[in-house]
């Protein structure tokens, strides 16, 4: 199982140069992937912009959106051009797109995008991006990766399964538990096989982490307001399942690997770049 790391873009007050330093350290310490999350009505950096900066600061590490709220990008040709451009900047095979329809209606209200039709808009975006990436439109540049970046999908709905097996390479379980994976992955694998896809879908899980003497306080500070839209019980749950000790980190790796996860992402909740080294040390990287 590969181990990736997520930028702490949702942490209040984090600045862009700090995120670039995270990218450099993540590559230097041997993490497989650098990921970035997405929210509009929050201080998180725009994820495609953040990954473009990371692409210029690194050479090897994979770059992943976990997950991009795809329907907000209602100029589908422009979205395809933007992502193809990052693919060119990064080099073939490095950019992977984790996409989902989105959960928060305020992100859509502020965008002027209809929340109720986001699924249909999402599917239209995927079709248009495939046309552009495949060189069928005259819109460039051509992606460095043949056919465009690999696409994974978030969510646990029948529509998510449909998108994975018809248009994607795998599934992302955000802020996940082993039980989440074990409950969803068997049905996904069955649908994949029924659709005649070769091999198996890639399964990626992400979890929250912070390390050091103030780890739990860092998690509380980072996600209390960020998750407030889900209510106090959701906030408390998110804090409780975060990984804040080296022992919890190593146990998570063992448990998710046993559950059949191909890559586990640890999402940062303390902006200090030393968190990258603390995590790498805990993992033995």
C-alpha atoms as a PDB file:
ATOM      1  CA  UNK A   1       0.000   0.000   0.000  1.00  0.00           C
ATOM      2  CA  UNK A   2       1.258   3.450  -0.915  1.00  0.00           C
ATOM      3  CA  UNK A   3       1.235   6.319   1.593  1.00  0.00           C
ATOM      4  CA  UNK A   4       0.436   9.881   0.570  1.00  0.00           C
ATOM      5  CA  UNK A   5       0.033  13.164   2.401  1.00  0.00           C
ATOM      6  CA  UNK A   6      -2.528  15.969   2.145  1.00  0.00           C
ATOM      7  CA  UNK A   7      -1.842  19.681   2.287  1.00  0.00           C
ATOM      8  CA  UNK A   8      -3.304  21.479   5.322  1.00  0.00           C
ATOM      9  CA  UNK A   9      -5.126  23.976   3.107  1.00  0.00           C
ATOM     10  CA  UNK A  10      -8.197  24.052   5.353  1.00  0.00           C
ATOM     11  CA  UNK A  11      -6.197  25.174   8.396  1.00  0.00           C
ATOM     12  CA  UNK A  12      -7.065  28.798   9.222  1.00  0.00           C
ATOM     13  CA  UNK A  13      -4.280  31.213   8.346  1.00  0.00           C
ATOM     14  CA  UNK A  14      -2.089  28.868   6.304  1.00  0.00           C
ATOM     15  CA  UNK A  15      -0.181  30.715   3.580  1.00  0.00           C
ATOM     16  CA  UNK A  16       0.736  29.630   0.082  1.00  0.00           C
ATOM     17  CA  UNK A  17       4.500  29.462   0.533  1.00  0.00           C
ATOM     18  CA  UNK A  18       4.000  27.100   3.466  1.00  0.00           C
ATOM     19  CA  UNK A  19       2.021  24.765   1.209  1.00  0.00           C
ATOM     20  CA  UNK A  20       4.823  24.795  -1.368  1.00  0.00           C
ATOM     21  CA  UNK A  21       7.277  23.848   1.374  1.00  0.00           C
ATOM     22  CA  UNK A  22       4.976  20.979   2.340  1.00  0.00           C
ATOM     23  CA  UNK A  23       5.125  19.799  -1.275  1.00  0.00           C
ATOM     24  CA  UNK A  24       8.910  19.878  -1.369  1.00  0.00           C
ATOM     25  CA  UNK A  25       9.255  18.030   1.937  1.00  0.00           C
ATOM     26  CA  UNK A  26       6.628  15.454   0.985  1.00  0.00           C
ATOM     27  CA  UNK A  27       8.597  14.532  -2.104  1.00  0.00           C
ATOM     28  CA  UNK A  28      11.924  14.532  -0.264  1.00  0.00           C
ATOM     29  CA  UNK A  29      10.571  12.170   2.410  1.00  0.00           C
ATOM     30  CA  UNK A  30       9.240   9.666  -0.095  1.00  0.00           C
ATOM     31  CA  UNK A  31       5.465  10.068   0.080  1.00  0.00           C
ATOM     32  CA  UNK A  32       3.681   8.648  -2.955  1.00  0.00           C
ATOM     33  CA  UNK A  33       1.148  11.437  -3.449  1.00  0.00           C
ATOM     34  CA  UNK A  34       0.488  15.044  -2.498  1.00  0.00           C
ATOM     35  CA  UNK A  35      -3.218  15.842  -2.280  1.00  0.00           C
ATOM     36  CA  UNK A  36      -5.303  18.976  -1.858  1.00  0.00           C
ATOM     37  CA  UNK A  37      -8.930  19.368  -0.796  1.00  0.00           C
ATOM     38  CA  UNK A  38     -11.614  21.690  -2.148  1.00  0.00           C
ATOM     39  CA  UNK A  39     -14.173  24.097  -0.709  1.00  0.00           C
ATOM     40  CA  UNK A  40     -15.365  27.370  -2.183  1.00  0.00           C
ATOM     41  CA  UNK A  41     -16.867  29.044   0.893  1.00  0.00           C
ATOM     42  CA  UNK A  42     -13.726  28.642   2.958  1.00  0.00           C
ATOM     43  CA  UNK A  43     -10.139  29.877   2.992  1.00  0.00           C
ATOM     44  CA  UNK A  44      -8.767  26.747   1.274  1.00  0.00           C
ATOM     45  CA  UNK A  45      -6.621  27.521  -1.785  1.00  0.00           C
ATOM     46  CA  UNK A  46      -8.147  26.744  -5.148  1.00  0.00           C
ATOM     47  CA  UNK A  47      -6.969  23.146  -5.672  1.00  0.00           C
ATOM     48  CA  UNK A  48      -5.912  23.272  -9.325  1.00  0.00           C
ATOM     49  CA  UNK A  49      -3.880  26.409  -8.651  1.00  0.00           C
ATOM     50  CA  UNK A  50      -2.270  24.765  -5.615  1.00  0.00           C
ATOM     51  CA  UNK A  51      -1.347  21.676  -7.622  1.00  0.00           C
ATOM     52  CA  UNK A  52       0.129  23.810 -10.407  1.00  0.00           C
ATOM     53  CA  UNK A  53       2.435  25.401  -7.826  1.00  0.00           C
ATOM     54  CA  UNK A  54       3.283  21.974  -6.402  1.00  0.00           C
ATOM     55  CA  UNK A  55       4.021  20.659  -9.891  1.00  0.00           C
ATOM     56  CA  UNK A  56       6.641  23.364 -10.358  1.00  0.00           C
ATOM     57  CA  UNK A  57       8.214  22.704  -6.963  1.00  0.00           C
ATOM     58  CA  UNK A  58       8.507  18.909  -7.330  1.00  0.00           C
ATOM     59  CA  UNK A  59       9.521  16.306  -9.893  1.00  0.00           C
ATOM     60  CA  UNK A  60       8.255  12.865  -8.870  1.00  0.00           C
ATOM     61  CA  UNK A  61       5.397  12.890  -6.402  1.00  0.00           C
ATOM     62  CA  UNK A  62       1.862  12.285  -7.706  1.00  0.00           C
ATOM     63  CA  UNK A  63      -0.581  15.190  -7.446  1.00  0.00           C
ATOM     64  CA  UNK A  64      -4.215  14.539  -6.513  1.00  0.00           C
ATOM     65  CA  UNK A  65      -7.390  16.489  -5.787  1.00  0.00           C
ATOM     66  CA  UNK A  66      -9.255  14.934  -2.821  1.00  0.00           C
ATOM     67  CA  UNK A  67     -11.777  15.839  -3.939  1.00  0.00           C
ATOM     68  CA  UNK A  68     -12.474  18.577  -6.461  1.00  0.00           C
ATOM     69  CA  UNK A  69     -16.102  19.775  -6.470  1.00  0.00           C
ATOM     70  CA  UNK A  70     -16.429  19.175 -10.182  1.00  0.00           C
ATOM     71  CA  UNK A  71     -19.828  20.785 -11.014  1.00  0.00           C
ATOM     72  CA  UNK A  72     -18.584  24.190  -9.853  1.00  0.00           C
ATOM     73  CA  UNK A  73     -16.441  24.182 -13.007  1.00  0.00           C
ATOM     74  CA  UNK A  74     -19.329  24.949 -15.334  1.00  0.00           C
ATOM     75  CA  UNK A  75     -17.102  25.986 -18.261  1.00  0.00           C
ATOM     76  CA  UNK A  76     -16.251  22.407 -19.148  1.00  0.00           C
ATOM     77  CA  UNK A  77     -13.839  23.174 -21.958  1.00  0.00           C
ATOM     78  CA  UNK A  78     -11.900  25.550 -19.726  1.00  0.00           C
ATOM     79  CA  UNK A  79     -11.738  22.919 -16.982  1.00  0.00           C
ATOM     80  CA  UNK A  80     -10.316  20.434 -19.487  1.00  0.00           C
ATOM     81  CA  UNK A  81      -7.763  22.990 -20.661  1.00  0.00           C
ATOM     82  CA  UNK A  82      -6.732  23.857 -17.085  1.00  0.00           C
ATOM     83  CA  UNK A  83      -6.227  20.242 -16.082  1.00  0.00           C
ATOM     84  CA  UNK A  84      -4.396  19.393 -19.312  1.00  0.00           C
ATOM     85  CA  UNK A  85      -2.094  22.354 -18.643  1.00  0.00           C
ATOM     86  CA  UNK A  86      -1.276  21.099 -15.126  1.00  0.00           C
ATOM     87  CA  UNK A  87      -0.695  17.639 -16.587  1.00  0.00           C
ATOM     88  CA  UNK A  88       1.829  19.208 -18.961  1.00  0.00           C
ATOM     89  CA  UNK A  89       3.527  21.126 -16.146  1.00  0.00           C
ATOM     90  CA  UNK A  90       3.761  18.052 -13.935  1.00  0.00           C
ATOM     91  CA  UNK A  91       4.747  15.507 -16.583  1.00  0.00           C
ATOM     92  CA  UNK A  92       2.981  12.367 -17.719  1.00  0.00           C
ATOM     93  CA  UNK A  93       1.314  10.250 -15.068  1.00  0.00           C
ATOM     94  CA  UNK A  94       1.680  12.606 -12.120  1.00  0.00           C
ATOM     95  CA  UNK A  95      -1.683  14.408 -12.044  1.00  0.00           C
ATOM     96  CA  UNK A  96      -4.654  12.382 -10.816  1.00  0.00           C
ATOM     97  CA  UNK A  97      -8.083  13.958 -10.398  1.00  0.00           C
ATOM     98  CA  UNK A  98     -10.329  12.974  -7.528  1.00  0.00           C
ATOM     99  CA  UNK A  99     -13.759  14.365  -8.360  1.00  0.00           C
ATOM    100  CA  UNK A 100     -17.143  14.465  -6.631  1.00  0.00           C
ATOM    101  CA  UNK A 101     -20.486  16.260  -7.081  1.00  0.00           C
ATOM    102  CA  UNK A 102     -20.231  18.183  -3.798  1.00  0.00           C
ATOM    103  CA  UNK A 103     -22.267  18.227  -0.577  1.00  0.00           C
ATOM    104  CA  UNK A 104     -22.560  21.856   0.527  1.00  0.00           C
ATOM    105  CA  UNK A 105     -25.221  23.932  -1.148  1.00  0.00           C
ATOM    106  CA  UNK A 106     -23.549  27.218  -0.148  1.00  0.00           C
ATOM    107  CA  UNK A 107     -20.622  26.461  -2.467  1.00  0.00           C
ATOM    108  CA  UNK A 108     -23.134  26.260  -5.316  1.00  0.00           C
ATOM    109  CA  UNK A 109     -25.144  29.300  -4.259  1.00  0.00           C
ATOM    110  CA  UNK A 110     -22.026  31.473  -4.267  1.00  0.00           C
ATOM    111  CA  UNK A 111     -21.045  30.065  -7.680  1.00  0.00           C
ATOM    112  CA  UNK A 112     -24.436  30.644  -9.269  1.00  0.00           C
ATOM    113  CA  UNK A 113     -24.557  26.917 -10.083  1.00  0.00           C
ATOM    114  CA  UNK A 114     -27.729  24.885  -9.595  1.00  0.00           C
ATOM    115  CA  UNK A 115     -27.205  22.475  -6.699  1.00  0.00           C
ATOM    116  CA  UNK A 116     -30.151  20.277  -7.657  1.00  0.00           C
ATOM    117  CA  UNK A 117     -28.754  19.415 -11.103  1.00  0.00           C
ATOM    118  CA  UNK A 118     -25.140  18.979 -10.085  1.00  0.00           C
ATOM    119  CA  UNK A 119     -25.093  15.289 -11.007  1.00  0.00           C
ATOM    120  CA  UNK A 120     -26.125  15.966 -14.611  1.00  0.00           C
ATOM    121  CA  UNK A 121     -23.629  18.829 -14.827  1.00  0.00           C
ATOM    122  CA  UNK A 122     -20.924  16.534 -13.461  1.00  0.00           C
ATOM    123  CA  UNK A 123     -21.559  13.913 -16.148  1.00  0.00           C
ATOM    124  CA  UNK A 124     -21.547  16.565 -18.881  1.00  0.00           C
ATOM    125  CA  UNK A 125     -18.188  17.857 -17.633  1.00  0.00           C
ATOM    126  CA  UNK A 126     -16.693  14.369 -17.736  1.00  0.00           C
ATOM    127  CA  UNK A 127     -17.828  13.811 -21.317  1.00  0.00           C
ATOM    128  CA  UNK A 128     -16.496  17.180 -22.485  1.00  0.00           C
ATOM    129  CA  UNK A 129     -13.157  16.747 -20.704  1.00  0.00           C
ATOM    130  CA  UNK A 130     -12.677  13.353 -22.351  1.00  0.00           C
ATOM    131  CA  UNK A 131     -13.249  14.947 -25.759  1.00  0.00           C
ATOM    132  CA  UNK A 132     -10.735  17.713 -25.109  1.00  0.00           C
ATOM    133  CA  UNK A 133      -8.102  15.448 -23.568  1.00  0.00           C
ATOM    134  CA  UNK A 134      -8.516  13.044 -26.481  1.00  0.00           C
ATOM    135  CA  UNK A 135      -7.686  15.741 -29.033  1.00  0.00           C
ATOM    136  CA  UNK A 136     -11.132  15.833 -30.615  1.00  0.00           C
ATOM    137  CA  UNK A 137     -11.791  19.585 -30.273  1.00  0.00           C
ATOM    138  CA  UNK A 138      -8.719  21.633 -31.192  1.00  0.00           C
ATOM    139  CA  UNK A 139      -8.543  22.887 -27.590  1.00  0.00           C
ATOM    140  CA  UNK A 140      -5.036  22.530 -26.191  1.00  0.00           C
ATOM    141  CA  UNK A 141      -2.516  21.938 -24.886  1.00  0.00           C
ATOM    142  CA  UNK A 142      -2.664  18.181 -25.181  1.00  0.00           C
ATOM    143  CA  UNK A 143      -2.153  16.499 -21.803  1.00  0.00           C
ATOM    144  CA  UNK A 144       1.216  14.860 -21.264  1.00  0.00           C
ATOM    145  CA  UNK A 145      -0.643  11.765 -20.064  1.00  0.00           C
ATOM    146  CA  UNK A 146      -2.190   9.873 -22.960  1.00  0.00           C
ATOM    147  CA  UNK A 147      -5.944  10.372 -22.795  1.00  0.00           C
ATOM    148  CA  UNK A 148      -5.678  12.828 -19.909  1.00  0.00           C
ATOM    149  CA  UNK A 149      -5.210  12.492 -16.144  1.00  0.00           C
ATOM    150  CA  UNK A 150      -6.484   9.417 -14.360  1.00  0.00           C
ATOM    151  CA  UNK A 151      -9.823  10.115 -12.706  1.00  0.00           C
ATOM    152  CA  UNK A 152     -11.110   8.763  -9.400  1.00  0.00           C
ATOM    153  CA  UNK A 153     -14.486   9.505  -7.856  1.00  0.00           C
ATOM    154  CA  UNK A 154     -15.674  10.240  -4.336  1.00  0.00           C
ATOM    155  CA  UNK A 155     -19.023   9.482  -2.775  1.00  0.00           C
ATOM    156  CA  UNK A 156     -20.870   6.312  -1.802  1.00  0.00           C
ATOM    157  CA  UNK A 157     -23.945   6.517  -4.024  1.00  0.00           C
ATOM    158  CA  UNK A 158     -24.972   4.332  -6.964  1.00  0.00           C
ATOM    159  CA  UNK A 159     -23.983   7.251  -9.197  1.00  0.00           C
ATOM    160  CA  UNK A 160     -20.463   7.166  -7.748  1.00  0.00           C
ATOM    161  CA  UNK A 161     -20.188   3.466  -8.591  1.00  0.00           C
ATOM    162  CA  UNK A 162     -21.485   4.146 -12.106  1.00  0.00           C
ATOM    163  CA  UNK A 163     -18.906   6.850 -12.691  1.00  0.00           C
ATOM    164  CA  UNK A 164     -16.048   4.741 -11.385  1.00  0.00           C
ATOM    165  CA  UNK A 165     -16.838   1.740 -13.574  1.00  0.00           C
ATOM    166  CA  UNK A 166     -17.647   3.713 -16.744  1.00  0.00           C
ATOM    167  CA  UNK A 167     -15.293   6.694 -16.649  1.00  0.00           C
ATOM    168  CA  UNK A 168     -12.775   6.236 -13.844  1.00  0.00           C
ATOM    169  CA  UNK A 169      -9.885   4.271 -12.490  1.00  0.00           C
ATOM    170  CA  UNK A 170     -10.938   4.139  -8.856  1.00  0.00           C
ATOM    171  CA  UNK A 171     -12.679   5.457  -5.750  1.00  0.00           C
ATOM    172  CA  UNK A 172     -11.681   7.883  -2.987  1.00  0.00           C
ATOM    173  CA  UNK A 173     -13.077   7.499   0.528  1.00  0.00           C
ATOM    174  CA  UNK A 174     -12.699  10.837   2.288  1.00  0.00           C
ATOM    175  CA  UNK A 175     -12.181  11.153   6.052  1.00  0.00           C
ATOM    176  CA  UNK A 176     -12.604   7.411   6.064  1.00  0.00           C
ATOM    177  CA  UNK A 177     -12.773   4.524   8.467  1.00  0.00           C
ATOM    178  CA  UNK A 178     -11.986   0.909   7.708  1.00  0.00           C
ATOM    179  CA  UNK A 179     -15.696   0.176   8.112  1.00  0.00           C
ATOM    180  CA  UNK A 180     -16.479   2.688   5.342  1.00  0.00           C
ATOM    181  CA  UNK A 181     -14.145   0.876   2.975  1.00  0.00           C
ATOM    182  CA  UNK A 182     -15.328  -2.585   3.942  1.00  0.00           C
ATOM    183  CA  UNK A 183     -18.945  -1.554   3.484  1.00  0.00           C
ATOM    184  CA  UNK A 184     -18.556   0.005   0.032  1.00  0.00           C
ATOM    185  CA  UNK A 185     -15.620  -1.624  -1.749  1.00  0.00           C
ATOM    186  CA  UNK A 186     -17.126  -5.107  -2.310  1.00  0.00           C
ATOM    187  CA  UNK A 187     -20.072  -3.683  -4.243  1.00  0.00           C
ATOM    188  CA  UNK A 188     -17.757  -1.474  -6.249  1.00  0.00           C
ATOM    189  CA  UNK A 189     -15.521  -4.397  -7.162  1.00  0.00           C
ATOM    190  CA  UNK A 190     -18.537  -6.467  -8.185  1.00  0.00           C
ATOM    191  CA  UNK A 191     -19.836  -3.650 -10.400  1.00  0.00           C
ATOM    192  CA  UNK A 192     -16.356  -3.222 -11.917  1.00  0.00           C
ATOM    193  CA  UNK A 193     -16.197  -6.893 -12.868  1.00  0.00           C
ATOM    194  CA  UNK A 194     -19.767  -6.919 -14.170  1.00  0.00           C
ATOM    195  CA  UNK A 195     -18.918  -3.955 -16.412  1.00  0.00           C
ATOM    196  CA  UNK A 196     -16.112  -5.987 -17.959  1.00  0.00           C
ATOM    197  CA  UNK A 197     -13.287  -3.841 -16.621  1.00  0.00           C
ATOM    198  CA  UNK A 198      -9.918  -5.538 -16.292  1.00  0.00           C
ATOM    199  CA  UNK A 199      -8.111  -5.785 -12.972  1.00  0.00           C
ATOM    200  CA  UNK A 200      -9.729  -3.952 -10.081  1.00  0.00           C
ATOM    201  CA  UNK A 201     -10.579  -0.361  -9.189  1.00  0.00           C
ATOM    202  CA  UNK A 202      -7.967   1.607  -7.294  1.00  0.00           C
ATOM    203  CA  UNK A 203      -9.158   2.318  -3.754  1.00  0.00           C
ATOM    204  CA  UNK A 204      -7.796   5.387  -1.987  1.00  0.00           C
ATOM    205  CA  UNK A 205      -8.713   6.367   1.570  1.00  0.00           C
ATOM    206  CA  UNK A 206      -7.911   9.610   3.343  1.00  0.00           C
ATOM    207  CA  UNK A 207      -7.725  10.255   7.088  1.00  0.00           C
ATOM    208  CA  UNK A 208      -7.014  13.312   9.207  1.00  0.00           C
ATOM    209  CA  UNK A 209      -3.815  13.580  11.241  1.00  0.00           C
ATOM    210  CA  UNK A 210      -1.638  15.815  13.365  1.00  0.00           C
ATOM    211  CA  UNK A 211       1.349  14.860  15.488  1.00  0.00           C
ATOM    212  CA  UNK A 212       3.275  16.345  18.397  1.00  0.00           C
ATOM    213  CA  UNK A 213       2.328  17.470  21.912  1.00  0.00           C
ATOM    214  CA  UNK A 214      -0.557  19.667  20.706  1.00  0.00           C
ATOM    215  CA  UNK A 215      -1.859  17.269  18.073  1.00  0.00           C
ATOM    216  CA  UNK A 216      -5.444  16.921  19.260  1.00  0.00           C
ATOM    217  CA  UNK A 217      -5.762  20.660  19.824  1.00  0.00           C
ATOM    218  CA  UNK A 218      -4.506  21.242  16.270  1.00  0.00           C
ATOM    219  CA  UNK A 219      -7.150  18.913  14.879  1.00  0.00           C
ATOM    220  CA  UNK A 220      -9.874  20.594  16.948  1.00  0.00           C
ATOM    221  CA  UNK A 221      -8.805  24.042  15.764  1.00  0.00           C
ATOM    222  CA  UNK A 222      -8.547  22.979  12.125  1.00  0.00           C
ATOM    223  CA  UNK A 223     -11.820  21.145  11.669  1.00  0.00           C
ATOM    224  CA  UNK A 224     -14.264  22.486  14.258  1.00  0.00           C
ATOM    225  CA  UNK A 225     -15.380  25.346  12.030  1.00  0.00           C
ATOM    226  CA  UNK A 226     -14.561  23.498   8.796  1.00  0.00           C
ATOM    227  CA  UNK A 227     -16.982  20.690   9.654  1.00  0.00           C
ATOM    228  CA  UNK A 228     -19.542  22.870  11.450  1.00  0.00           C
ATOM    229  CA  UNK A 229     -21.982  22.545   8.556  1.00  0.00           C
ATOM    230  CA  UNK A 230     -22.555  18.922   9.657  1.00  0.00           C
ATOM    231  CA  UNK A 231     -23.465  19.799  13.238  1.00  0.00           C
ATOM    232  CA  UNK A 232     -21.705  19.293  16.548  1.00  0.00           C
ATOM    233  CA  UNK A 233     -21.909  15.483  16.488  1.00  0.00           C
ATOM    234  CA  UNK A 234     -20.228  15.415  13.066  1.00  0.00           C
ATOM    235  CA  UNK A 235     -17.491  17.738  14.327  1.00  0.00           C
ATOM    236  CA  UNK A 236     -16.871  15.594  17.409  1.00  0.00           C
ATOM    237  CA  UNK A 237     -16.804  12.451  15.292  1.00  0.00           C
ATOM    238  CA  UNK A 238     -14.238  13.975  12.928  1.00  0.00           C
ATOM    239  CA  UNK A 239     -12.012  14.952  15.826  1.00  0.00           C
ATOM    240  CA  UNK A 240     -12.296  11.545  17.484  1.00  0.00           C
ATOM    241  CA  UNK A 241     -11.329   9.538  14.386  1.00  0.00           C
ATOM    242  CA  UNK A 242      -8.317  11.720  13.534  1.00  0.00           C
ATOM    243  CA  UNK A 243      -4.898  10.131  14.069  1.00  0.00           C
ATOM    244  CA  UNK A 244      -2.793  12.036  16.600  1.00  0.00           C
ATOM    245  CA  UNK A 245      -0.134   9.581  17.796  1.00  0.00           C
ATOM    246  CA  UNK A 246       2.560   7.554  16.015  1.00  0.00           C
ATOM    247  CA  UNK A 247       0.880   4.402  17.299  1.00  0.00           C
ATOM    248  CA  UNK A 248      -2.443   5.394  15.753  1.00  0.00           C
ATOM    249  CA  UNK A 249      -0.692   6.209  12.472  1.00  0.00           C
ATOM    250  CA  UNK A 250       0.968   2.813  12.183  1.00  0.00           C
ATOM    251  CA  UNK A 251      -2.207   1.008  13.232  1.00  0.00           C
ATOM    252  CA  UNK A 252      -4.162   2.839  10.537  1.00  0.00           C
ATOM    253  CA  UNK A 253      -1.678   1.746   7.892  1.00  0.00           C
ATOM    254  CA  UNK A 254      -2.010  -1.893   8.922  1.00  0.00           C
ATOM    255  CA  UNK A 255      -5.801  -1.782   9.164  1.00  0.00           C
ATOM    256  CA  UNK A 256      -6.440  -0.028   5.852  1.00  0.00           C
ATOM    257  CA  UNK A 257      -3.967  -2.242   4.031  1.00  0.00           C
ATOM    258  CA  UNK A 258      -5.746  -5.317   5.392  1.00  0.00           C
ATOM    259  CA  UNK A 259      -9.032  -3.852   4.109  1.00  0.00           C
ATOM    260  CA  UNK A 260      -7.653  -3.777   0.571  1.00  0.00           C
ATOM    261  CA  UNK A 261      -6.857  -0.073   0.254  1.00  0.00           C
ATOM    262  CA  UNK A 262      -4.213   0.670  -2.374  1.00  0.00           C
ATOM    263  CA  UNK A 263      -3.202   4.090  -1.060  1.00  0.00           C
ATOM    264  CA  UNK A 264      -3.765   5.826   2.275  1.00  0.00           C
ATOM    265  CA  UNK A 265      -3.554   9.611   2.477  1.00  0.00           C
ATOM    266  CA  UNK A 266      -2.852  11.429   5.742  1.00  0.00           C
ATOM    267  CA  UNK A 267      -4.392  14.918   5.592  1.00  0.00           C
ATOM    268  CA  UNK A 268      -2.532  17.549   7.591  1.00  0.00           C
ATOM    269  CA  UNK A 269      -4.248  19.598  10.306  1.00  0.00           C
ATOM    270  CA  UNK A 270      -1.264  21.593  11.543  1.00  0.00           C
ATOM    271  CA  UNK A 271       0.301  23.948   8.993  1.00  0.00           C
ATOM    272  CA  UNK A 272       3.868  23.612  10.311  1.00  0.00           C
ATOM    273  CA  UNK A 273       5.935  21.847   7.593  1.00  0.00           C
ATOM    274  CA  UNK A 274       7.645  19.876  10.368  1.00  0.00           C
ATOM    275  CA  UNK A 275       4.432  17.825  10.388  1.00  0.00           C
ATOM    276  CA  UNK A 276       5.621  16.218   7.143  1.00  0.00           C
ATOM    277  CA  UNK A 277       8.772  14.967   8.854  1.00  0.00           C
ATOM    278  CA  UNK A 278       6.908  13.851  11.964  1.00  0.00           C
ATOM    279  CA  UNK A 279       4.608  11.746   9.820  1.00  0.00           C
ATOM    280  CA  UNK A 280       7.456  10.336   7.749  1.00  0.00           C
ATOM    281  CA  UNK A 281       9.339   9.412  10.927  1.00  0.00           C
ATOM    282  CA  UNK A 282       6.268   7.692  12.362  1.00  0.00           C
ATOM    283  CA  UNK A 283       5.935   5.678   9.160  1.00  0.00           C
ATOM    284  CA  UNK A 284       9.622   4.877   8.876  1.00  0.00           C
ATOM    285  CA  UNK A 285      10.027   6.709   5.565  1.00  0.00           C
END
